[in-house]
Amino acid sequence: MNFQRGKKHEDLELNLVPLIDVLLVIIIFLVV
């Protein structure tokens, strides 16, 4: 596994994951 290469792609995924978590929390709040 090379952590040096494709760093921008990893940053994009790292930014996307918290966004999805926040969206899931909002959806759960709306459902409940």
C-alpha atoms as a PDB file:
ATOM      1  CA  MET A   1       0.000   0.000   0.000  1.00  0.00           C
ATOM      2  CA  ASN A   2       1.402   3.363  -1.042  1.00  0.00           C
ATOM      3  CA  PHE A   3       0.176   6.247   1.103  1.00  0.00           C
ATOM      4  CA  GLN A   4       2.365   8.800  -0.689  1.00  0.00           C
ATOM      5  CA  ARG A   5       0.696   8.346  -4.090  1.00  0.00           C
ATOM      6  CA  GLY A   6      -2.860   9.462  -4.767  1.00  0.00           C
ATOM      7  CA  LYS A   7      -3.010  11.700  -1.697  1.00  0.00           C
ATOM      8  CA  LYS A   8      -5.601  14.026  -3.251  1.00  0.00           C
ATOM      9  CA  HIS A   9      -7.935  11.084  -3.836  1.00  0.00           C
ATOM     10  CA  GLU A  10      -7.585  10.105  -0.165  1.00  0.00           C
ATOM     11  CA  ASP A  11      -8.280  13.681   0.957  1.00  0.00           C
ATOM     12  CA  LEU A  12     -11.435  13.700  -1.146  1.00  0.00           C
ATOM     13  CA  GLU A  13     -12.610  10.456   0.491  1.00  0.00           C
ATOM     14  CA  LEU A  14     -11.718  11.760   3.970  1.00  0.00           C
ATOM     15  CA  ASN A  15     -13.810  14.869   3.299  1.00  0.00           C
ATOM     16  CA  LEU A  16     -16.698  12.776   1.954  1.00  0.00           C
ATOM     17  CA  VAL A  17     -16.914  10.346   4.893  1.00  0.00           C
ATOM     18  CA  PRO A  18     -17.749  12.963   7.601  1.00  0.00           C
ATOM     19  CA  LEU A  19     -20.268  14.540   5.204  1.00  0.00           C
ATOM     20  CA  ILE A  20     -22.048  11.190   4.787  1.00  0.00           C
ATOM     21  CA  ASP A  21     -22.009  10.694   8.584  1.00  0.00           C
ATOM     22  CA  VAL A  22     -23.620  14.108   9.100  1.00  0.00           C
ATOM     23  CA  LEU A  23     -26.255  13.334   6.456  1.00  0.00           C
ATOM     24  CA  LEU A  24     -27.017   9.997   8.150  1.00  0.00           C
ATOM     25  CA  VAL A  25     -27.436  11.720  11.535  1.00  0.00           C
ATOM     26  CA  ILE A  26     -29.803  14.312   9.998  1.00  0.00           C
ATOM     27  CA  ILE A  27     -31.845  11.549   8.326  1.00  0.00           C
ATOM     28  CA  ILE A  28     -32.073   9.620  11.630  1.00  0.00           C
ATOM     29  CA  PHE A  29     -33.243  12.791  13.419  1.00  0.00           C
ATOM     30  CA  LEU A  30     -35.867  13.417  10.738  1.00  0.00           C
ATOM     31  CA  VAL A  31     -37.139   9.820  10.892  1.00  0.00           C
ATOM     32  CA  VAL A  32     -37.295   9.839  14.721  1.00  0.00           C
END
